[in-house]
Amino acid sequence: LAGFILGAPASPWGLARDLHPALAVVAVVLGSLACAGL
């Protein structure tokens, strides 16, 4: 959801939520692509 709203700058949000860095990037990319698709 942070990736949907903020885009690429949301990746530190994933780190702050204790996600693995690779998983944080995947989550942000999924959110951003959902945003772009919409």
PDB file of all heavy atoms in Angstrom:
ATOM      1  N   LEU A   1       0.824  -1.213   0.000  1.00  0.00           N
ATOM      2  CA  LEU A   1       0.000   0.000   0.000  1.00  0.00           C
ATOM      3  C   LEU A   1       0.857   1.261   0.000  1.00  0.00           C
ATOM      4  O   LEU A   1       0.533   2.244  -0.679  1.00  0.00           O
ATOM      5  CB  LEU A   1      -0.944   0.004   1.202  1.00  0.00           C
ATOM      6  CG  LEU A   1      -2.079  -1.024   1.149  1.00  0.00           C
ATOM      7  CD1 LEU A   1      -2.870  -1.016   2.445  1.00  0.00           C
ATOM      8  CD2 LEU A   1      -2.985  -0.771  -0.026  1.00  0.00           C
ATOM      9  N   ALA A   2       1.958   1.238   0.741  1.00  0.00           N
ATOM     10  CA  ALA A   2       2.878   2.386   0.724  1.00  0.00           C
ATOM     11  C   ALA A   2       3.475   2.556  -0.671  1.00  0.00           C
ATOM     12  O   ALA A   2       3.633   3.676  -1.156  1.00  0.00           O
ATOM     13  CB  ALA A   2       3.973   2.203   1.760  1.00  0.00           C
ATOM     14  N   GLY A   3       3.790   1.454  -1.338  1.00  0.00           N
ATOM     15  CA  GLY A   3       4.291   1.517  -2.710  1.00  0.00           C
ATOM     16  C   GLY A   3       3.244   2.049  -3.668  1.00  0.00           C
ATOM     17  O   GLY A   3       3.565   2.771  -4.612  1.00  0.00           O
ATOM     18  N   PHE A   4       1.977   1.718  -3.418  1.00  0.00           N
ATOM     19  CA  PHE A   4       0.888   2.222  -4.247  1.00  0.00           C
ATOM     20  C   PHE A   4       0.785   3.743  -4.130  1.00  0.00           C
ATOM     21  O   PHE A   4       0.626   4.441  -5.119  1.00  0.00           O
ATOM     22  CB  PHE A   4      -0.438   1.573  -3.826  1.00  0.00           C
ATOM     23  CG  PHE A   4      -1.606   1.958  -4.685  1.00  0.00           C
ATOM     24  CD1 PHE A   4      -1.904   1.227  -5.815  1.00  0.00           C
ATOM     25  CD2 PHE A   4      -2.404   3.039  -4.365  1.00  0.00           C
ATOM     26  CE1 PHE A   4      -2.985   1.556  -6.618  1.00  0.00           C
ATOM     27  CE2 PHE A   4      -3.479   3.387  -5.158  1.00  0.00           C
ATOM     28  CZ  PHE A   4      -3.771   2.647  -6.287  1.00  0.00           C
ATOM     29  N   ILE A   5       0.903   4.231  -2.925  1.00  0.00           N
ATOM     30  CA  ILE A   5       0.730   5.666  -2.685  1.00  0.00           C
ATOM     31  C   ILE A   5       1.994   6.460  -2.992  1.00  0.00           C
ATOM     32  O   ILE A   5       1.946   7.484  -3.664  1.00  0.00           O
ATOM     33  CB  ILE A   5       0.293   5.904  -1.223  1.00  0.00           C
ATOM     34  CG1 ILE A   5      -1.081   5.284  -0.982  1.00  0.00           C
ATOM     35  CG2 ILE A   5       0.273   7.388  -0.896  1.00  0.00           C
ATOM     36  CD1 ILE A   5      -1.483   5.199   0.464  1.00  0.00           C
ATOM     37  N   LEU A   6       3.144   5.994  -2.525  1.00  0.00           N
ATOM     38  CA  LEU A   6       4.380   6.764  -2.620  1.00  0.00           C
ATOM     39  C   LEU A   6       5.275   6.383  -3.784  1.00  0.00           C
ATOM     40  O   LEU A   6       6.104   7.179  -4.200  1.00  0.00           O
ATOM     41  CB  LEU A   6       5.192   6.604  -1.328  1.00  0.00           C
ATOM     42  CG  LEU A   6       4.541   7.094  -0.048  1.00  0.00           C
ATOM     43  CD1 LEU A   6       5.405   6.731   1.141  1.00  0.00           C
ATOM     44  CD2 LEU A   6       4.306   8.582  -0.118  1.00  0.00           C
ATOM     45  N   GLY A   7       5.178   5.170  -4.263  1.00  0.00           N
ATOM     46  CA  GLY A   7       6.078   4.711  -5.317  1.00  0.00           C
ATOM     47  C   GLY A   7       7.402   4.247  -4.736  1.00  0.00           C
ATOM     48  O   GLY A   7       7.468   3.724  -3.621  1.00  0.00           O
ATOM     49  N   ALA A   8       8.477   4.460  -5.486  1.00  0.00           N
ATOM     50  CA  ALA A   8       9.803   3.957  -5.107  1.00  0.00           C
ATOM     51  C   ALA A   8      10.298   4.430  -3.741  1.00  0.00           C
ATOM     52  O   ALA A   8      10.966   3.668  -3.042  1.00  0.00           O
ATOM     53  CB  ALA A   8      10.817   4.323  -6.189  1.00  0.00           C
ATOM     54  N   PRO A   9      10.016   5.657  -3.300  1.00  0.00           N
ATOM     55  CA  PRO A   9      10.512   6.066  -1.979  1.00  0.00           C
ATOM     56  C   PRO A   9       9.905   5.291  -0.809  1.00  0.00           C
ATOM     57  O   PRO A   9      10.295   5.505   0.332  1.00  0.00           O
ATOM     58  CB  PRO A   9      10.116   7.544  -1.890  1.00  0.00           C
ATOM     59  CG  PRO A   9       9.973   7.995  -3.282  1.00  0.00           C
ATOM     60  CD  PRO A   9       9.475   6.795  -4.041  1.00  0.00           C
ATOM     61  N   ALA A  10       8.974   4.380  -1.064  1.00  0.00           N
ATOM     62  CA  ALA A  10       8.353   3.619   0.018  1.00  0.00           C
ATOM     63  C   ALA A  10       9.191   2.437   0.468  1.00  0.00           C
ATOM     64  O   ALA A  10       8.856   1.793   1.456  1.00  0.00           O
ATOM     65  CB  ALA A  10       6.978   3.123  -0.417  1.00  0.00           C
ATOM     66  N   SER A  11      10.285   2.128  -0.213  1.00  0.00           N
ATOM     67  CA  SER A  11      11.075   0.949   0.165  1.00  0.00           C
ATOM     68  C   SER A  11      11.656   1.042   1.578  1.00  0.00           C
ATOM     69  O   SER A  11      11.699   0.023   2.272  1.00  0.00           O
ATOM     70  CB  SER A  11      12.151   0.661  -0.873  1.00  0.00           C
ATOM     71  OG  SER A  11      12.928   1.790  -1.120  1.00  0.00           O
ATOM     72  N   PRO A  12      12.097   2.201   2.070  1.00  0.00           N
ATOM     73  CA  PRO A  12      12.531   2.247   3.471  1.00  0.00           C
ATOM     74  C   PRO A  12      11.400   1.929   4.455  1.00  0.00           C
ATOM     75  O   PRO A  12      11.655   1.468   5.565  1.00  0.00           O
ATOM     76  CB  PRO A  12      13.019   3.693   3.647  1.00  0.00           C
ATOM     77  CG  PRO A  12      13.458   4.104   2.297  1.00  0.00           C
ATOM     78  CD  PRO A  12      12.473   3.433   1.370  1.00  0.00           C
ATOM     79  N   TRP A  13      10.176   2.163   4.036  1.00  0.00           N
ATOM     80  CA  TRP A  13       9.028   1.806   4.870  1.00  0.00           C
ATOM     81  C   TRP A  13       9.039   0.303   5.146  1.00  0.00           C
ATOM     82  O   TRP A  13       8.767  -0.142   6.247  1.00  0.00           O
ATOM     83  CB  TRP A  13       7.732   2.213   4.169  1.00  0.00           C
ATOM     84  CG  TRP A  13       6.488   1.742   4.815  1.00  0.00           C
ATOM     85  CD1 TRP A  13       5.790   0.613   4.518  1.00  0.00           C
ATOM     86  CD2 TRP A  13       5.768   2.358   5.871  1.00  0.00           C
ATOM     87  NE1 TRP A  13       4.693   0.494   5.312  1.00  0.00           N
ATOM     88  CE2 TRP A  13       4.656   1.562   6.158  1.00  0.00           C
ATOM     89  CE3 TRP A  13       5.962   3.527   6.603  1.00  0.00           C
ATOM     90  CZ2 TRP A  13       3.744   1.887   7.153  1.00  0.00           C
ATOM     91  CZ3 TRP A  13       5.033   3.849   7.587  1.00  0.00           C
ATOM     92  CH2 TRP A  13       3.947   3.033   7.851  1.00  0.00           C
ATOM     93  N   GLY A  14       9.372  -0.486   4.108  1.00  0.00           N
ATOM     94  CA  GLY A  14       9.458  -1.932   4.296  1.00  0.00           C
ATOM     95  C   GLY A  14      10.542  -2.325   5.280  1.00  0.00           C
ATOM     96  O   GLY A  14      10.373  -3.250   6.072  1.00  0.00           O
ATOM     97  N   LEU A  15      11.673  -1.630   5.232  1.00  0.00           N
ATOM     98  CA  LEU A  15      12.735  -1.901   6.206  1.00  0.00           C
ATOM     99  C   LEU A  15      12.291  -1.538   7.622  1.00  0.00           C
ATOM    100  O   LEU A  15      12.594  -2.248   8.574  1.00  0.00           O
ATOM    101  CB  LEU A  15      13.997  -1.104   5.866  1.00  0.00           C
ATOM    102  CG  LEU A  15      14.869  -1.625   4.742  1.00  0.00           C
ATOM    103  CD1 LEU A  15      16.091  -0.737   4.577  1.00  0.00           C
ATOM    104  CD2 LEU A  15      15.286  -3.053   4.980  1.00  0.00           C
ATOM    105  N   ALA A  16      11.594  -0.431   7.725  1.00  0.00           N
ATOM    106  CA  ALA A  16      11.114  -0.013   9.043  1.00  0.00           C
ATOM    107  C   ALA A  16      10.100  -1.011   9.603  1.00  0.00           C
ATOM    108  O   ALA A  16       9.972  -1.139  10.816  1.00  0.00           O
ATOM    109  CB  ALA A  16      10.484   1.375   8.962  1.00  0.00           C
ATOM    110  N   ARG A  17       9.431  -1.722   8.714  1.00  0.00           N
ATOM    111  CA  ARG A  17       8.453  -2.733   9.142  1.00  0.00           C
ATOM    112  C   ARG A  17       9.096  -4.109   9.300  1.00  0.00           C
ATOM    113  O   ARG A  17       8.400  -5.108   9.396  1.00  0.00           O
ATOM    114  CB  ARG A  17       7.315  -2.805   8.140  1.00  0.00           C
ATOM    115  CG  ARG A  17       6.689  -1.480   7.779  1.00  0.00           C
ATOM    116  CD  ARG A  17       5.412  -1.169   8.388  1.00  0.00           C
ATOM    117  NE  ARG A  17       4.523  -2.304   8.422  1.00  0.00           N
ATOM    118  CZ  ARG A  17       3.359  -2.274   9.000  1.00  0.00           C
ATOM    119  NH1 ARG A  17       2.950  -1.179   9.546  1.00  0.00           N
ATOM    120  NH2 ARG A  17       2.598  -3.331   9.039  1.00  0.00           N
ATOM    121  N   ASP A  18      10.428  -4.165   9.289  1.00  0.00           N
ATOM    122  CA  ASP A  18      11.214  -5.393   9.484  1.00  0.00           C
ATOM    123  C   ASP A  18      10.990  -6.429   8.385  1.00  0.00           C
ATOM    124  O   ASP A  18      10.983  -7.630   8.651  1.00  0.00           O
ATOM    125  CB  ASP A  18      10.919  -6.035  10.853  1.00  0.00           C
ATOM    126  CG  ASP A  18      11.427  -5.177  11.998  1.00  0.00           C
ATOM    127  OD1 ASP A  18      12.444  -4.487  11.794  1.00  0.00           O
ATOM    128  OD2 ASP A  18      10.805  -5.198  13.074  1.00  0.00           O
ATOM    129  N   LEU A  19      10.838  -5.969   7.156  1.00  0.00           N
ATOM    130  CA  LEU A  19      10.803  -6.885   6.019  1.00  0.00           C
ATOM    131  C   LEU A  19      12.220  -7.089   5.505  1.00  0.00           C
ATOM    132  O   LEU A  19      13.072  -6.204   5.633  1.00  0.00           O
ATOM    133  CB  LEU A  19       9.954  -6.315   4.877  1.00  0.00           C
ATOM    134  CG  LEU A  19       8.443  -6.414   4.990  1.00  0.00           C
ATOM    135  CD1 LEU A  19       7.791  -5.751   3.786  1.00  0.00           C
ATOM    136  CD2 LEU A  19       7.976  -7.841   5.091  1.00  0.00           C
ATOM    137  N   HIS A  20      12.467  -8.226   4.929  1.00  0.00           N
ATOM    138  CA  HIS A  20      13.753  -8.467   4.269  1.00  0.00           C
ATOM    139  C   HIS A  20      13.864  -7.461   3.115  1.00  0.00           C
ATOM    140  O   HIS A  20      12.861  -7.152   2.463  1.00  0.00           O
ATOM    141  CB  HIS A  20      13.806  -9.897   3.728  1.00  0.00           C
ATOM    142  CG  HIS A  20      15.132 -10.279   3.185  1.00  0.00           C
ATOM    143  ND1 HIS A  20      15.481 -10.030   1.884  1.00  0.00           N
ATOM    144  CD2 HIS A  20      16.190 -10.872   3.780  1.00  0.00           C
ATOM    145  CE1 HIS A  20      16.709 -10.464   1.682  1.00  0.00           C
ATOM    146  NE2 HIS A  20      17.163 -10.985   2.821  1.00  0.00           N
ATOM    147  N   PRO A  21      15.066  -6.911   2.850  1.00  0.00           N
ATOM    148  CA  PRO A  21      15.203  -5.894   1.800  1.00  0.00           C
ATOM    149  C   PRO A  21      14.660  -6.310   0.440  1.00  0.00           C
ATOM    150  O   PRO A  21      13.992  -5.526  -0.239  1.00  0.00           O
ATOM    151  CB  PRO A  21      16.709  -5.642   1.743  1.00  0.00           C
ATOM    152  CG  PRO A  21      17.190  -5.969   3.110  1.00  0.00           C
ATOM    153  CD  PRO A  21      16.325  -7.094   3.585  1.00  0.00           C
ATOM    154  N   ALA A  22      14.909  -7.549   0.027  1.00  0.00           N
ATOM    155  CA  ALA A  22      14.400  -8.008  -1.273  1.00  0.00           C
ATOM    156  C   ALA A  22      12.871  -8.061  -1.267  1.00  0.00           C
ATOM    157  O   ALA A  22      12.216  -7.693  -2.250  1.00  0.00           O
ATOM    158  CB  ALA A  22      14.970  -9.378  -1.621  1.00  0.00           C
ATOM    159  N   LEU A  23      12.299  -8.478  -0.159  1.00  0.00           N
ATOM    160  CA  LEU A  23      10.844  -8.540  -0.047  1.00  0.00           C
ATOM    161  C   LEU A  23      10.240  -7.138  -0.027  1.00  0.00           C
ATOM    162  O   LEU A  23       9.150  -6.910  -0.581  1.00  0.00           O
ATOM    163  CB  LEU A  23      10.470  -9.309   1.219  1.00  0.00           C
ATOM    164  CG  LEU A  23       9.059  -9.852   1.311  1.00  0.00           C
ATOM    165  CD1 LEU A  23       8.745 -10.741   0.121  1.00  0.00           C
ATOM    166  CD2 LEU A  23       8.874 -10.613   2.602  1.00  0.00           C
ATOM    167  N   ALA A  24      10.949  -6.192   0.576  1.00  0.00           N
ATOM    168  CA  ALA A  24      10.476  -4.805   0.585  1.00  0.00           C
ATOM    169  C   ALA A  24      10.442  -4.239  -0.827  1.00  0.00           C
ATOM    170  O   ALA A  24       9.484  -3.560  -1.217  1.00  0.00           O
ATOM    171  CB  ALA A  24      11.363  -3.949   1.486  1.00  0.00           C
ATOM    172  N   VAL A  25      11.473  -4.526  -1.625  1.00  0.00           N
ATOM    173  CA  VAL A  25      11.496  -4.048  -3.016  1.00  0.00           C
ATOM    174  C   VAL A  25      10.374  -4.683  -3.813  1.00  0.00           C
ATOM    175  O   VAL A  25       9.675  -4.005  -4.579  1.00  0.00           O
ATOM    176  CB  VAL A  25      12.880  -4.315  -3.664  1.00  0.00           C
ATOM    177  CG1 VAL A  25      12.839  -4.058  -5.157  1.00  0.00           C
ATOM    178  CG2 VAL A  25      13.945  -3.452  -3.016  1.00  0.00           C
ATOM    179  N   VAL A  26      10.146  -5.982  -3.626  1.00  0.00           N
ATOM    180  CA  VAL A  26       9.059  -6.670  -4.341  1.00  0.00           C
ATOM    181  C   VAL A  26       7.710  -6.052  -3.973  1.00  0.00           C
ATOM    182  O   VAL A  26       6.856  -5.807  -4.845  1.00  0.00           O
ATOM    183  CB  VAL A  26       9.074  -8.184  -4.042  1.00  0.00           C
ATOM    184  CG1 VAL A  26       7.809  -8.865  -4.521  1.00  0.00           C
ATOM    185  CG2 VAL A  26      10.295  -8.830  -4.677  1.00  0.00           C
ATOM    186  N   ALA A  27       7.497  -5.779  -2.698  1.00  0.00           N
ATOM    187  CA  ALA A  27       6.225  -5.196  -2.251  1.00  0.00           C
ATOM    188  C   ALA A  27       6.020  -3.809  -2.850  1.00  0.00           C
ATOM    189  O   ALA A  27       4.925  -3.476  -3.315  1.00  0.00           O
ATOM    190  CB  ALA A  27       6.190  -5.127  -0.727  1.00  0.00           C
ATOM    191  N   VAL A  28       7.069  -2.995  -2.865  1.00  0.00           N
ATOM    192  CA  VAL A  28       6.959  -1.641  -3.420  1.00  0.00           C
ATOM    193  C   VAL A  28       6.695  -1.706  -4.925  1.00  0.00           C
ATOM    194  O   VAL A  28       5.871  -0.952  -5.456  1.00  0.00           O
ATOM    195  CB  VAL A  28       8.220  -0.818  -3.098  1.00  0.00           C
ATOM    196  CG1 VAL A  28       8.248   0.477  -3.873  1.00  0.00           C
ATOM    197  CG2 VAL A  28       8.276  -0.531  -1.608  1.00  0.00           C
ATOM    198  N   VAL A  29       7.374  -2.604  -5.622  1.00  0.00           N
ATOM    199  CA  VAL A  29       7.155  -2.738  -7.071  1.00  0.00           C
ATOM    200  C   VAL A  29       5.725  -3.197  -7.355  1.00  0.00           C
ATOM    201  O   VAL A  29       5.070  -2.663  -8.262  1.00  0.00           O
ATOM    202  CB  VAL A  29       8.197  -3.697  -7.696  1.00  0.00           C
ATOM    203  CG1 VAL A  29       7.829  -4.044  -9.125  1.00  0.00           C
ATOM    204  CG2 VAL A  29       9.580  -3.080  -7.645  1.00  0.00           C
ATOM    205  N   LEU A  30       5.220  -4.141  -6.588  1.00  0.00           N
ATOM    206  CA  LEU A  30       3.830  -4.583  -6.783  1.00  0.00           C
ATOM    207  C   LEU A  30       2.838  -3.442  -6.552  1.00  0.00           C
ATOM    208  O   LEU A  30       1.896  -3.251  -7.333  1.00  0.00           O
ATOM    209  CB  LEU A  30       3.510  -5.747  -5.842  1.00  0.00           C
ATOM    210  CG  LEU A  30       4.108  -7.095  -6.198  1.00  0.00           C
ATOM    211  CD1 LEU A  30       3.794  -8.112  -5.112  1.00  0.00           C
ATOM    212  CD2 LEU A  30       3.593  -7.574  -7.540  1.00  0.00           C
ATOM    213  N   GLY A  31       3.044  -2.691  -5.486  1.00  0.00           N
ATOM    214  CA  GLY A  31       2.157  -1.557  -5.212  1.00  0.00           C
ATOM    215  C   GLY A  31       2.241  -0.488  -6.284  1.00  0.00           C
ATOM    216  O   GLY A  31       1.225   0.053  -6.721  1.00  0.00           O
ATOM    217  N   SER A  32       3.448  -0.198  -6.745  1.00  0.00           N
ATOM    218  CA  SER A  32       3.628   0.826  -7.778  1.00  0.00           C
ATOM    219  C   SER A  32       3.021   0.392  -9.104  1.00  0.00           C
ATOM    220  O   SER A  32       2.431   1.204  -9.819  1.00  0.00           O
ATOM    221  CB  SER A  32       5.116   1.129  -7.962  1.00  0.00           C
ATOM    222  OG  SER A  32       5.631   1.713  -6.810  1.00  0.00           O
ATOM    223  N   LEU A  33       3.167  -0.878  -9.448  1.00  0.00           N
ATOM    224  CA  LEU A  33       2.570  -1.363 -10.700  1.00  0.00           C
ATOM    225  C   LEU A  33       1.047  -1.379 -10.637  1.00  0.00           C
ATOM    226  O   LEU A  33       0.385  -1.116 -11.640  1.00  0.00           O
ATOM    227  CB  LEU A  33       3.111  -2.747 -11.048  1.00  0.00           C
ATOM    228  CG  LEU A  33       4.545  -2.766 -11.551  1.00  0.00           C
ATOM    229  CD1 LEU A  33       4.979  -4.182 -11.872  1.00  0.00           C
ATOM    230  CD2 LEU A  33       4.707  -1.880 -12.762  1.00  0.00           C
ATOM    231  N   ALA A  34       0.502  -1.663  -9.459  1.00  0.00           N
ATOM    232  CA  ALA A  34      -0.956  -1.581  -9.313  1.00  0.00           C
ATOM    233  C   ALA A  34      -1.422  -0.143  -9.509  1.00  0.00           C
ATOM    234  O   ALA A  34      -2.427   0.119 -10.183  1.00  0.00           O
ATOM    235  CB  ALA A  34      -1.374  -2.097  -7.938  1.00  0.00           C
ATOM    236  N   CYS A  35      -0.674   0.792  -8.956  1.00  0.00           N
ATOM    237  CA  CYS A  35      -0.979   2.212  -9.126  1.00  0.00           C
ATOM    238  C   CYS A  35      -0.886   2.609 -10.599  1.00  0.00           C
ATOM    239  O   CYS A  35      -1.792   3.244 -11.144  1.00  0.00           O
ATOM    240  CB  CYS A  35      -0.008   3.032  -8.291  1.00  0.00           C
ATOM    241  SG  CYS A  35       0.122   4.749  -8.760  1.00  0.00           S
ATOM    242  N   ALA A  36       0.214   2.241 -11.249  1.00  0.00           N
ATOM    243  CA  ALA A  36       0.411   2.598 -12.655  1.00  0.00           C
ATOM    244  C   ALA A  36      -0.661   1.957 -13.531  1.00  0.00           C
ATOM    245  O   ALA A  36      -1.181   2.588 -14.462  1.00  0.00           O
ATOM    246  CB  ALA A  36       1.801   2.168 -13.117  1.00  0.00           C
ATOM    247  N   GLY A  37      -1.000   0.714 -13.251  1.00  0.00           N
ATOM    248  CA  GLY A  37      -2.048   0.047 -14.017  1.00  0.00           C
ATOM    249  C   GLY A  37      -3.386   0.753 -13.894  1.00  0.00           C
ATOM    250  O   GLY A  37      -4.113   0.922 -14.879  1.00  0.00           O
ATOM    251  N   LEU A  38      -3.717   1.188 -12.689  1.00  0.00           N
ATOM    252  CA  LEU A  38      -4.967   1.920 -12.476  1.00  0.00           C
ATOM    253  C   LEU A  38      -4.975   3.246 -13.227  1.00  0.00           C
ATOM    254  O   LEU A  38      -5.961   3.602 -13.888  1.00  0.00           O
ATOM    255  CB  LEU A  38      -5.183   2.163 -10.982  1.00  0.00           C
ATOM    256  CG  LEU A  38      -6.418   2.968 -10.607  1.00  0.00           C
ATOM    257  CD1 LEU A  38      -7.671   2.166 -10.898  1.00  0.00           C
ATOM    258  CD2 LEU A  38      -6.362   3.351  -9.145  1.00  0.00           C
TER     259      LEU A  38
END
